Full PDB file with SEQRES, HELIX, SHEET, SSBOND, CRYST1, ORIGX, SCALE, CONECT and MASTER records, all heavy atoms in Angstrom:
SEQRES   1 A   40  ALA ARG HIS GLN HIS LEU ALA GLU ALA LEU HIS GLY TRP          
SEQRES   2 A   40  GLY SER TYR GLN LEU SER ARG ARG LEU GLY LEU GLY LEU          
SEQRES   3 A   40  ARG ASP ARG GLU ILE VAL ILE ASP ARG THR CYS ALA LEU          
SEQRES   4 A   40  CYS                                                          
HELIX    1 AA1 GLN A    4  GLN A   17  1                                  14    
HELIX    2 AA2 LEU A   26  LEU A   39  1                                  14    
CRYST1    1.000    1.000    1.000  90.00  90.00  90.00 P 1           1          
ORIGX1      1.000000  0.000000  0.000000        0.00000                         
ORIGX2      0.000000  1.000000  0.000000        0.00000                         
ORIGX3      0.000000  0.000000  1.000000        0.00000                         
SCALE1      1.000000  0.000000  0.000000        0.00000                         
SCALE2      0.000000  1.000000  0.000000        0.00000                         
SCALE3      0.000000  0.000000  1.000000        0.00000                         
ATOM      1  N   ALA A   1     127.328  76.777  60.523  1.00  0.00           N  
ATOM      2  CA  ALA A   1     127.705  77.864  59.620  1.00  0.00           C  
ATOM      3  C   ALA A   1     129.198  77.870  59.307  1.00  0.00           C  
ATOM      4  O   ALA A   1     129.628  78.575  58.376  1.00  0.00           O  
ATOM      5  CB  ALA A   1     127.282  79.209  60.200  1.00  0.00           C  
ATOM      6  N   ARG A   2     129.980  77.107  60.036  1.00  0.00           N  
ATOM      7  CA  ARG A   2     131.396  76.958  59.689  1.00  0.00           C  
ATOM      8  C   ARG A   2     131.557  76.238  58.351  1.00  0.00           C  
ATOM      9  O   ARG A   2     132.602  76.337  57.703  1.00  0.00           O  
ATOM     10  CB  ARG A   2     132.136  76.173  60.774  1.00  0.00           C  
ATOM     11  CG  ARG A   2     132.214  76.849  62.132  1.00  0.00           C  
ATOM     12  CD  ARG A   2     133.005  75.989  63.098  1.00  0.00           C  
ATOM     13  NE  ARG A   2     134.389  75.902  62.695  1.00  0.00           N  
ATOM     14  CZ  ARG A   2     135.362  76.663  63.189  1.00  0.00           C  
ATOM     15  NH1 ARG A   2     135.102  77.565  64.121  1.00  0.00           N  
ATOM     16  NH2 ARG A   2     136.603  76.514  62.776  1.00  0.00           N  
ATOM     17  N   HIS A   3     130.534  75.468  57.978  1.00  0.00           N  
ATOM     18  CA  HIS A   3     130.558  74.645  56.755  1.00  0.00           C  
ATOM     19  C   HIS A   3     129.387  75.118  55.888  1.00  0.00           C  
ATOM     20  O   HIS A   3     128.269  74.652  56.039  1.00  0.00           O  
ATOM     21  CB  HIS A   3     130.407  73.178  57.145  1.00  0.00           C  
ATOM     22  CG  HIS A   3     130.609  72.202  56.041  1.00  0.00           C  
ATOM     23  ND1 HIS A   3     130.371  72.477  54.719  1.00  0.00           N  
ATOM     24  CD2 HIS A   3     131.025  70.906  56.077  1.00  0.00           C  
ATOM     25  CE1 HIS A   3     130.610  71.418  53.988  1.00  0.00           C  
ATOM     26  NE2 HIS A   3     131.017  70.442  54.798  1.00  0.00           N  
ATOM     27  N   GLN A   4     129.644  76.051  54.996  1.00  0.00           N  
ATOM     28  CA  GLN A   4     128.585  76.746  54.273  1.00  0.00           C  
ATOM     29  C   GLN A   4     127.646  75.798  53.532  1.00  0.00           C  
ATOM     30  O   GLN A   4     126.429  75.918  53.618  1.00  0.00           O  
ATOM     31  CB  GLN A   4     129.208  77.739  53.289  1.00  0.00           C  
ATOM     32  CG  GLN A   4     128.202  78.598  52.521  1.00  0.00           C  
ATOM     33  CD  GLN A   4     127.557  79.658  53.398  1.00  0.00           C  
ATOM     34  OE1 GLN A   4     128.082  79.985  54.467  1.00  0.00           O  
ATOM     35  NE2 GLN A   4     126.428  80.168  52.969  1.00  0.00           N  
ATOM     36  N   HIS A   5     128.204  74.848  52.786  1.00  0.00           N  
ATOM     37  CA  HIS A   5     127.356  73.950  51.997  1.00  0.00           C  
ATOM     38  C   HIS A   5     126.496  73.064  52.899  1.00  0.00           C  
ATOM     39  O   HIS A   5     125.319  72.816  52.617  1.00  0.00           O  
ATOM     40  CB  HIS A   5     128.207  73.098  51.060  1.00  0.00           C  
ATOM     41  CG  HIS A   5     128.954  73.888  50.046  1.00  0.00           C  
ATOM     42  ND1 HIS A   5     128.335  74.751  49.155  1.00  0.00           N  
ATOM     43  CD2 HIS A   5     130.286  73.969  49.775  1.00  0.00           C  
ATOM     44  CE1 HIS A   5     129.231  75.318  48.381  1.00  0.00           C  
ATOM     45  NE2 HIS A   5     130.424  74.875  48.748  1.00  0.00           N  
ATOM     46  N   LEU A   6     127.091  72.589  53.988  1.00  0.00           N  
ATOM     47  CA  LEU A   6     126.332  71.781  54.942  1.00  0.00           C  
ATOM     48  C   LEU A   6     125.212  72.605  55.551  1.00  0.00           C  
ATOM     49  O   LEU A   6     124.065  72.143  55.661  1.00  0.00           O  
ATOM     50  CB  LEU A   6     127.258  71.259  56.036  1.00  0.00           C  
ATOM     51  CG  LEU A   6     126.588  70.476  57.169  1.00  0.00           C  
ATOM     52  CD1 LEU A   6     125.998  69.180  56.659  1.00  0.00           C  
ATOM     53  CD2 LEU A   6     127.589  70.207  58.295  1.00  0.00           C  
ATOM     54  N   ALA A   7     125.513  73.821  55.965  1.00  0.00           N  
ATOM     55  CA  ALA A   7     124.504  74.674  56.598  1.00  0.00           C  
ATOM     56  C   ALA A   7     123.335  74.932  55.658  1.00  0.00           C  
ATOM     57  O   ALA A   7     122.162  74.911  56.075  1.00  0.00           O  
ATOM     58  CB  ALA A   7     125.136  75.997  57.032  1.00  0.00           C  
ATOM     59  N   GLU A   8     123.617  75.171  54.399  1.00  0.00           N  
ATOM     60  CA  GLU A   8     122.552  75.415  53.422  1.00  0.00           C  
ATOM     61  C   GLU A   8     121.645  74.189  53.300  1.00  0.00           C  
ATOM     62  O   GLU A   8     120.416  74.296  53.285  1.00  0.00           O  
ATOM     63  CB  GLU A   8     123.148  75.759  52.062  1.00  0.00           C  
ATOM     64  CG  GLU A   8     123.895  77.080  52.011  1.00  0.00           C  
ATOM     65  CD  GLU A   8     122.969  78.278  51.893  1.00  0.00           C  
ATOM     66  OE1 GLU A   8     121.752  78.088  51.815  1.00  0.00           O  
ATOM     67  OE2 GLU A   8     123.487  79.412  51.884  1.00  0.00           O  
ATOM     68  N   ALA A   9     122.254  73.016  53.224  1.00  0.00           N  
ATOM     69  CA  ALA A   9     121.477  71.793  53.089  1.00  0.00           C  
ATOM     70  C   ALA A   9     120.650  71.512  54.344  1.00  0.00           C  
ATOM     71  O   ALA A   9     119.460  71.158  54.267  1.00  0.00           O  
ATOM     72  CB  ALA A   9     122.414  70.616  52.804  1.00  0.00           C  
ATOM     73  N   LEU A  10     121.271  71.681  55.510  1.00  0.00           N  
ATOM     74  CA  LEU A  10     120.569  71.434  56.760  1.00  0.00           C  
ATOM     75  C   LEU A  10     119.419  72.405  56.967  1.00  0.00           C  
ATOM     76  O   LEU A  10     118.384  72.038  57.533  1.00  0.00           O  
ATOM     77  CB  LEU A  10     121.547  71.533  57.934  1.00  0.00           C  
ATOM     78  CG  LEU A  10     122.614  70.448  58.029  1.00  0.00           C  
ATOM     79  CD1 LEU A  10     123.576  70.758  59.163  1.00  0.00           C  
ATOM     80  CD2 LEU A  10     121.988  69.076  58.220  1.00  0.00           C  
ATOM     81  N   HIS A  11     119.601  73.631  56.528  1.00  0.00           N  
ATOM     82  CA  HIS A  11     118.544  74.621  56.707  1.00  0.00           C  
ATOM     83  C   HIS A  11     117.269  74.199  55.989  1.00  0.00           C  
ATOM     84  O   HIS A  11     116.167  74.305  56.541  1.00  0.00           O  
ATOM     85  CB  HIS A  11     119.006  75.989  56.206  1.00  0.00           C  
ATOM     86  CG  HIS A  11     117.929  77.024  56.217  1.00  0.00           C  
ATOM     87  ND1 HIS A  11     117.233  77.364  57.356  1.00  0.00           N  
ATOM     88  CD2 HIS A  11     117.407  77.783  55.208  1.00  0.00           C  
ATOM     89  CE1 HIS A  11     116.332  78.292  57.062  1.00  0.00           C  
ATOM     90  NE2 HIS A  11     116.414  78.550  55.778  1.00  0.00           N  
ATOM     91  N   GLY A  12     117.404  73.721  54.775  1.00  0.00           N  
ATOM     92  CA  GLY A  12     116.218  73.301  54.033  1.00  0.00           C  
ATOM     93  C   GLY A  12     115.476  72.172  54.716  1.00  0.00           C  
ATOM     94  O   GLY A  12     114.254  72.227  54.876  1.00  0.00           O  
ATOM     95  N   TRP A  13     116.204  71.151  55.143  1.00  0.00           N  
ATOM     96  CA  TRP A  13     115.557  70.007  55.788  1.00  0.00           C  
ATOM     97  C   TRP A  13     115.029  70.374  57.172  1.00  0.00           C  
ATOM     98  O   TRP A  13     113.900  70.026  57.532  1.00  0.00           O  
ATOM     99  CB  TRP A  13     116.529  68.846  55.877  1.00  0.00           C  
ATOM    100  CG  TRP A  13     115.916  67.617  56.474  1.00  0.00           C  
ATOM    101  CD1 TRP A  13     116.284  66.997  57.616  1.00  0.00           C  
ATOM    102  CD2 TRP A  13     114.814  66.865  55.960  1.00  0.00           C  
ATOM    103  NE1 TRP A  13     115.485  65.905  57.869  1.00  0.00           N  
ATOM    104  CE2 TRP A  13     114.575  65.802  56.860  1.00  0.00           C  
ATOM    105  CE3 TRP A  13     114.004  66.996  54.829  1.00  0.00           C  
ATOM    106  CZ2 TRP A  13     113.547  64.869  56.657  1.00  0.00           C  
ATOM    107  CZ3 TRP A  13     112.986  66.067  54.634  1.00  0.00           C  
ATOM    108  CH2 TRP A  13     112.771  65.023  55.542  1.00  0.00           C  
ATOM    109  N   GLY A  14     115.839  71.085  57.948  1.00  0.00           N  
ATOM    110  CA  GLY A  14     115.406  71.470  59.290  1.00  0.00           C  
ATOM    111  C   GLY A  14     114.189  72.373  59.267  1.00  0.00           C  
ATOM    112  O   GLY A  14     113.311  72.272  60.135  1.00  0.00           O  
ATOM    113  N   SER A  15     114.118  73.249  58.274  1.00  0.00           N  
ATOM    114  CA  SER A  15     112.956  74.135  58.148  1.00  0.00           C  
ATOM    115  C   SER A  15     111.682  73.335  57.920  1.00  0.00           C  
ATOM    116  O   SER A  15     110.622  73.661  58.469  1.00  0.00           O  
ATOM    117  CB  SER A  15     113.165  75.123  57.004  1.00  0.00           C  
ATOM    118  OG  SER A  15     114.233  75.995  57.271  1.00  0.00           O  
ATOM    119  N   TYR A  16     111.781  72.282  57.131  1.00  0.00           N  
ATOM    120  CA  TYR A  16     110.616  71.425  56.923  1.00  0.00           C  
ATOM    121  C   TYR A  16     110.201  70.735  58.215  1.00  0.00           C  
ATOM    122  O   TYR A  16     109.014  70.701  58.576  1.00  0.00           O  
ATOM    123  CB  TYR A  16     110.909  70.371  55.853  1.00  0.00           C  
ATOM    124  CG  TYR A  16     109.835  69.315  55.780  1.00  0.00           C  
ATOM    125  CD1 TYR A  16     108.582  69.596  55.236  1.00  0.00           C  
ATOM    126  CD2 TYR A  16     110.050  68.032  56.304  1.00  0.00           C  
ATOM    127  CE1 TYR A  16     107.584  68.642  55.206  1.00  0.00           C  
ATOM    128  CE2 TYR A  16     109.056  67.073  56.275  1.00  0.00           C  
ATOM    129  CZ  TYR A  16     107.827  67.381  55.726  1.00  0.00           C  
ATOM    130  OH  TYR A  16     106.830  66.432  55.713  1.00  0.00           O  
ATOM    131  N   GLN A  17     111.171  70.187  58.940  1.00  0.00           N  
ATOM    132  CA  GLN A  17     110.860  69.430  60.147  1.00  0.00           C  
ATOM    133  C   GLN A  17     110.166  70.273  61.214  1.00  0.00           C  
ATOM    134  O   GLN A  17     109.388  69.739  62.014  1.00  0.00           O  
ATOM    135  CB  GLN A  17     112.150  68.838  60.743  1.00  0.00           C  
ATOM    136  CG  GLN A  17     112.851  67.822  59.855  1.00  0.00           C  
ATOM    137  CD  GLN A  17     112.208  66.452  59.922  1.00  0.00           C  
ATOM    138  OE1 GLN A  17     111.024  66.305  60.179  1.00  0.00           O  
ATOM    139  NE2 GLN A  17     112.996  65.417  59.693  1.00  0.00           N  
ATOM    140  N   LEU A  18     110.436  71.566  61.242  1.00  0.00           N  
ATOM    141  CA  LEU A  18     109.834  72.432  62.262  1.00  0.00           C  
ATOM    142  C   LEU A  18     108.710  73.297  61.703  1.00  0.00           C  
ATOM    143  O   LEU A  18     108.260  74.220  62.369  1.00  0.00           O  
ATOM    144  CB  LEU A  18     110.916  73.328  62.887  1.00  0.00           C  
ATOM    145  CG  LEU A  18     112.034  72.604  63.632  1.00  0.00           C  
ATOM    146  CD1 LEU A  18     113.021  73.609  64.220  1.00  0.00           C  
ATOM    147  CD2 LEU A  18     111.477  71.703  64.733  1.00  0.00           C  
ATOM    148  N   SER A  19     108.225  72.968  60.516  1.00  0.00           N  
ATOM    149  CA  SER A  19     107.204  73.795  59.878  1.00  0.00           C  
ATOM    150  C   SER A  19     105.834  73.127  59.950  1.00  0.00           C  
ATOM    151  O   SER A  19     105.701  71.954  60.328  1.00  0.00           O  
ATOM    152  CB  SER A  19     107.564  74.047  58.417  1.00  0.00           C  
ATOM    153  OG  SER A  19     107.329  72.881  57.636  1.00  0.00           O  
ATOM    154  N   ARG A  20     104.826  73.866  59.513  1.00  0.00           N  
ATOM    155  CA  ARG A  20     103.476  73.314  59.448  1.00  0.00           C  
ATOM    156  C   ARG A  20     103.300  72.358  58.280  1.00  0.00           C  
ATOM    157  O   ARG A  20     102.268  71.696  58.164  1.00  0.00           O  
ATOM    158  CB  ARG A  20     102.463  74.463  59.349  1.00  0.00           C  
ATOM    159  CG  ARG A  20     102.404  75.313  60.608  1.00  0.00           C  
ATOM    160  CD  ARG A  20     101.372  76.412  60.496  1.00  0.00           C  
ATOM    161  NE  ARG A  20     101.334  77.217  61.707  1.00  0.00           N  
ATOM    162  CZ  ARG A  20     100.530  78.267  61.872  1.00  0.00           C  
ATOM    163  NH1 ARG A  20      99.721  78.648  60.890  1.00  0.00           N  
ATOM    164  NH2 ARG A  20     100.565  78.953  63.005  1.00  0.00           N  
ATOM    165  N   ARG A  21     104.308  72.280  57.408  1.00  0.00           N  
ATOM    166  CA  ARG A  21     104.245  71.321  56.312  1.00  0.00           C  
ATOM    167  C   ARG A  21     104.430  69.892  56.817  1.00  0.00           C  
ATOM    168  O   ARG A  21     104.004  68.937  56.160  1.00  0.00           O  
ATOM    169  CB  ARG A  21     105.322  71.646  55.271  1.00  0.00           C  
ATOM    170  CG  ARG A  21     105.094  72.945  54.512  1.00  0.00           C  
ATOM    171  CD  ARG A  21     106.291  73.257  53.629  1.00  0.00           C  
ATOM    172  NE  ARG A  21     107.463  73.591  54.428  1.00  0.00           N  
ATOM    173  CZ  ARG A  21     108.714  73.502  53.987  1.00  0.00           C  
ATOM    174  NH1 ARG A  21     108.968  73.063  52.769  1.00  0.00           N  
ATOM    175  NH2 ARG A  21     109.720  73.845  54.783  1.00  0.00           N  
ATOM    176  N   LEU A  22     105.094  69.738  57.965  1.00  0.00           N  
ATOM    177  CA  LEU A  22     105.266  68.417  58.556  1.00  0.00           C  
ATOM    178  C   LEU A  22     103.895  67.826  58.854  1.00  0.00           C  
ATOM    179  O   LEU A  22     103.004  68.513  59.363  1.00  0.00           O  
ATOM    180  CB  LEU A  22     106.082  68.536  59.843  1.00  0.00           C  
ATOM    181  CG  LEU A  22     106.510  67.220  60.495  1.00  0.00           C  
ATOM    182  CD1 LEU A  22     107.659  66.582  59.723  1.00  0.00           C  
ATOM    183  CD2 LEU A  22     106.927  67.459  61.947  1.00  0.00           C  
ATOM    184  N   GLY A  23     103.711  66.556  58.559  1.00  0.00           N  
ATOM    185  CA  GLY A  23     102.418  65.927  58.776  1.00  0.00           C  
ATOM    186  C   GLY A  23     102.035  65.764  60.235  1.00  0.00           C  
ATOM    187  O   GLY A  23     100.864  65.583  60.558  1.00  0.00           O  
ATOM    188  N   LEU A  24     103.005  65.801  61.119  1.00  0.00           N  
ATOM    189  CA  LEU A  24     102.766  65.692  62.557  1.00  0.00           C  
ATOM    190  C   LEU A  24     102.562  67.072  63.154  1.00  0.00           C  
ATOM    191  O   LEU A  24     103.258  68.022  62.790  1.00  0.00           O  
ATOM    192  CB  LEU A  24     103.946  65.009  63.240  1.00  0.00           C  
ATOM    193  CG  LEU A  24     104.284  63.595  62.761  1.00  0.00           C  
ATOM    194  CD1 LEU A  24     105.602  63.131  63.370  1.00  0.00           C  
ATOM    195  CD2 LEU A  24     103.166  62.625  63.102  1.00  0.00           C  
ATOM    196  N   GLY A  25     101.627  67.177  64.090  1.00  0.00           N  
ATOM    197  CA  GLY A  25     101.394  68.443  64.763  1.00  0.00           C  
ATOM    198  C   GLY A  25     102.497  68.766  65.758  1.00  0.00           C  
ATOM    199  O   GLY A  25     103.394  67.949  66.021  1.00  0.00           O  
ATOM    200  N   LEU A  26     102.421  69.953  66.338  1.00  0.00           N  
ATOM    201  CA  LEU A  26     103.454  70.428  67.258  1.00  0.00           C  
ATOM    202  C   LEU A  26     103.660  69.466  68.426  1.00  0.00           C  
ATOM    203  O   LEU A  26     104.804  69.131  68.775  1.00  0.00           O  
ATOM    204  CB  LEU A  26     103.083  71.819  67.774  1.00  0.00           C  
ATOM    205  CG  LEU A  26     103.986  72.420  68.857  1.00  0.00           C  
ATOM    206  CD1 LEU A  26     105.391  72.645  68.319  1.00  0.00           C  
ATOM    207  CD2 LEU A  26     103.403  73.732  69.375  1.00  0.00           C  
ATOM    208  N   ARG A  27     102.589  69.007  69.036  1.00  0.00           N  
ATOM    209  CA  ARG A  27     102.739  68.117  70.193  1.00  0.00           C  
ATOM    210  C   ARG A  27     103.388  66.792  69.775  1.00  0.00           C  
ATOM    211  O   ARG A  27     104.328  66.319  70.437  1.00  0.00           O  
ATOM    212  CB  ARG A  27     101.377  67.863  70.839  1.00  0.00           C  
ATOM    213  CG  ARG A  27     101.466  66.967  72.083  1.00  0.00           C  
ATOM    214  CD  ARG A  27     100.095  66.737  72.701  1.00  0.00           C  
ATOM    215  NE  ARG A  27     100.162  65.817  73.822  1.00  0.00           N  
ATOM    216  CZ  ARG A  27     100.449  66.168  75.073  1.00  0.00           C  
ATOM    217  NH1 ARG A  27     100.712  67.432  75.359  1.00  0.00           N  
ATOM    218  NH2 ARG A  27     100.478  65.260  76.036  1.00  0.00           N  
ATOM    219  N   ASP A  28     102.890  66.192  68.698  1.00  0.00           N  
ATOM    220  CA  ASP A  28     103.486  64.952  68.203  1.00  0.00           C  
ATOM    221  C   ASP A  28     104.977  65.143  67.954  1.00  0.00           C  
ATOM    222  O   ASP A  28     105.816  64.330  68.368  1.00  0.00           O  
ATOM    223  CB  ASP A  28     102.832  64.524  66.887  1.00  0.00           C  
ATOM    224  CG  ASP A  28     101.378  64.137  67.021  1.00  0.00           C  
ATOM    225  OD1 ASP A  28     100.906  63.904  68.151  1.00  0.00           O  
ATOM    226  OD2 ASP A  28     100.704  64.061  65.968  1.00  0.00           O  
ATOM    227  N   ARG A  29     105.296  66.198  67.251  1.00  0.00           N  
ATOM    228  CA  ARG A  29     106.682  66.484  66.884  1.00  0.00           C  
ATOM    229  C   ARG A  29     107.573  66.605  68.107  1.00  0.00           C  
ATOM    230  O   ARG A  29     108.658  66.016  68.172  1.00  0.00           O  
ATOM    231  CB  ARG A  29     106.721  67.789  66.082  1.00  0.00           C  
ATOM    232  CG  ARG A  29     108.078  68.196  65.568  1.00  0.00           C  
ATOM    233  CD  ARG A  29     108.031  69.626  65.072  1.00  0.00           C  
ATOM    234  NE  ARG A  29     108.211  70.583  66.165  1.00  0.00           N  
ATOM    235  CZ  ARG A  29     107.985  71.887  66.057  1.00  0.00           C  
ATOM    236  NH1 ARG A  29     107.507  72.389  64.919  1.00  0.00           N  
ATOM    237  NH2 ARG A  29     108.209  72.693  67.084  1.00  0.00           N  
ATOM    238  N   GLU A  30     107.110  67.355  69.102  1.00  0.00           N  
ATOM    239  CA  GLU A  30     107.959  67.600  70.266  1.00  0.00           C  
ATOM    240  C   GLU A  30     108.113  66.362  71.136  1.00  0.00           C  
ATOM    241  O   GLU A  30     109.159  66.166  71.748  1.00  0.00           O  
ATOM    242  CB  GLU A  30     107.420  68.783  71.068  1.00  0.00           C  
ATOM    243  CG  GLU A  30     107.588  70.107  70.358  1.00  0.00           C  
ATOM    244  CD  GLU A  30     109.029  70.378  69.962  1.00  0.00           C  
ATOM    245  OE1 GLU A  30     109.915  70.317  70.848  1.00  0.00           O  
ATOM    246  OE2 GLU A  30     109.276  70.662  68.773  1.00  0.00           O  
ATOM    247  N   ILE A  31     107.101  65.517  71.199  1.00  0.00           N  
ATOM    248  CA  ILE A  31     107.253  64.257  71.932  1.00  0.00           C  
ATOM    249  C   ILE A  31     108.370  63.425  71.305  1.00  0.00           C  
ATOM    250  O   ILE A  31     109.244  62.900  72.007  1.00  0.00           O  
ATOM    251  CB  ILE A  31     105.921  63.479  71.959  1.00  0.00           C  
ATOM    252  CG1 ILE A  31     104.936  64.152  72.926  1.00  0.00           C  
ATOM    253  CG2 ILE A  31     106.147  62.019  72.356  1.00  0.00           C  
ATOM    254  CD1 ILE A  31     103.544  63.551  72.912  1.00  0.00           C  
ATOM    255  N   VAL A  32     108.368  63.321  69.988  1.00  0.00           N  
ATOM    256  CA  VAL A  32     109.400  62.539  69.304  1.00  0.00           C  
ATOM    257  C   VAL A  32     110.781  63.170  69.492  1.00  0.00           C  
ATOM    258  O   VAL A  32     111.762  62.477  69.791  1.00  0.00           O  
ATOM    259  CB  VAL A  32     109.062  62.400  67.811  1.00  0.00           C  
ATOM    260  CG1 VAL A  32     110.217  61.744  67.045  1.00  0.00           C  
ATOM    261  CG2 VAL A  32     107.786  61.592  67.619  1.00  0.00           C  
ATOM    262  N   ILE A  33     110.875  64.484  69.330  1.00  0.00           N  
ATOM    263  CA  ILE A  33     112.166  65.155  69.453  1.00  0.00           C  
ATOM    264  C   ILE A  33     112.702  65.068  70.880  1.00  0.00           C  
ATOM    265  O   ILE A  33     113.871  64.704  71.101  1.00  0.00           O  
ATOM    266  CB  ILE A  33     112.048  66.624  69.016  1.00  0.00           C  
ATOM    267  CG1 ILE A  33     111.782  66.714  67.507  1.00  0.00           C  
ATOM    268  CG2 ILE A  33     113.315  67.408  69.384  1.00  0.00           C  
ATOM    269  CD1 ILE A  33     111.481  68.124  67.017  1.00  0.00           C  
ATOM    270  N   ASP A  34     111.868  65.391  71.856  1.00  0.00           N  
ATOM    271  CA  ASP A  34     112.332  65.382  73.247  1.00  0.00           C  
ATOM    272  C   ASP A  34     112.773  63.984  73.670  1.00  0.00           C  
ATOM    273  O   ASP A  34     113.795  63.818  74.342  1.00  0.00           O  
ATOM    274  CB  ASP A  34     111.230  65.873  74.187  1.00  0.00           C  
ATOM    275  CG  ASP A  34     110.859  67.322  73.955  1.00  0.00           C  
ATOM    276  OD1 ASP A  34     111.631  68.040  73.285  1.00  0.00           O  
ATOM    277  OD2 ASP A  34     109.785  67.740  74.436  1.00  0.00           O  
ATOM    278  N   ARG A  35     111.990  62.976  73.274  1.00  0.00           N  
ATOM    279  CA  ARG A  35     112.334  61.601  73.639  1.00  0.00           C  
ATOM    280  C   ARG A  35     113.640  61.172  72.970  1.00  0.00           C  
ATOM    281  O   ARG A  35     114.509  60.570  73.600  1.00  0.00           O  
ATOM    282  CB  ARG A  35     111.202  60.666  73.237  1.00  0.00           C  
ATOM    283  CG  ARG A  35     111.416  59.215  73.640  1.00  0.00           C  
ATOM    284  CD  ARG A  35     111.505  59.062  75.140  1.00  0.00           C  
ATOM    285  NE  ARG A  35     111.285  57.685  75.556  1.00  0.00           N  
ATOM    286  CZ  ARG A  35     111.143  57.312  76.810  1.00  0.00           C  
ATOM    287  NH1 ARG A  35     111.221  58.221  77.768  1.00  0.00           N  
ATOM    288  NH2 ARG A  35     110.948  56.049  77.124  1.00  0.00           N  
ATOM    289  N   THR A  36     113.777  61.487  71.697  1.00  0.00           N  
ATOM    290  CA  THR A  36     114.991  61.109  70.971  1.00  0.00           C  
ATOM    291  C   THR A  36     116.220  61.752  71.602  1.00  0.00           C  
ATOM    292  O   THR A  36     117.237  61.080  71.845  1.00  0.00           O  
ATOM    293  CB  THR A  36     114.880  61.518  69.495  1.00  0.00           C  
ATOM    294  OG1 THR A  36     113.780  60.827  68.892  1.00  0.00           O  
ATOM    295  CG2 THR A  36     116.154  61.193  68.730  1.00  0.00           C  
ATOM    296  N   CYS A  37     116.137  63.042  71.873  1.00  0.00           N  
ATOM    297  CA  CYS A  37     117.287  63.738  72.462  1.00  0.00           C  
ATOM    298  C   CYS A  37     117.615  63.194  73.846  1.00  0.00           C  
ATOM    299  O   CYS A  37     118.796  63.061  74.206  1.00  0.00           O  
ATOM    300  CB  CYS A  37     117.020  65.240  72.519  1.00  0.00           C  
ATOM    301  SG  CYS A  37     116.916  66.025  70.894  1.00  0.00           S  
ATOM    302  N   ALA A  38     116.590  62.866  74.637  1.00  0.00           N  
ATOM    303  CA  ALA A  38     116.834  62.297  75.959  1.00  0.00           C  
ATOM    304  C   ALA A  38     117.494  60.932  75.853  1.00  0.00           C  
ATOM    305  O   ALA A  38     118.451  60.632  76.576  1.00  0.00           O  
ATOM    306  CB  ALA A  38     115.536  62.204  76.743  1.00  0.00           C  
ATOM    307  N   LEU A  39     116.998  60.081  74.955  1.00  0.00           N  
ATOM    308  CA  LEU A  39     117.584  58.754  74.789  1.00  0.00           C  
ATOM    309  C   LEU A  39     119.043  58.839  74.348  1.00  0.00           C  
ATOM    310  O   LEU A  39     119.867  58.007  74.718  1.00  0.00           O  
ATOM    311  CB  LEU A  39     116.781  57.948  73.762  1.00  0.00           C  
ATOM    312  CG  LEU A  39     115.395  57.469  74.203  1.00  0.00           C  
ATOM    313  CD1 LEU A  39     114.635  56.906  73.009  1.00  0.00           C  
ATOM    314  CD2 LEU A  39     115.497  56.427  75.301  1.00  0.00           C  
ATOM    315  N   CYS A  40     119.347  59.859  73.541  1.00  0.00           N  
ATOM    316  CA  CYS A  40     120.724  60.055  73.072  1.00  0.00           C  
ATOM    317  C   CYS A  40     121.594  60.784  74.094  1.00  0.00           C  
ATOM    318  O   CYS A  40     122.794  60.973  73.869  1.00  0.00           O  
ATOM    319  CB  CYS A  40     120.726  60.843  71.765  1.00  0.00           C  
ATOM    320  SG  CYS A  40     120.055  59.939  70.351  1.00  0.00           S  
TER     321      CYS A  40                                                      
MASTER        0    0    0    2    0    0    0    6  320    1    0    4          
END                                                                             
C-alpha cells in the first residue's frame, strides 16, 4: 500500500489466485504455495 499503483495491480491478480475462479482447488493451491514459499 506504500505504492498505490502497484497495490491496485497486485490486488487484482492476487484476488484471482486465491479465488474460486482459479482452476486449481484449495488443496492443490495450498500445496503449490506452501512448497514454493518453503523452497524460497
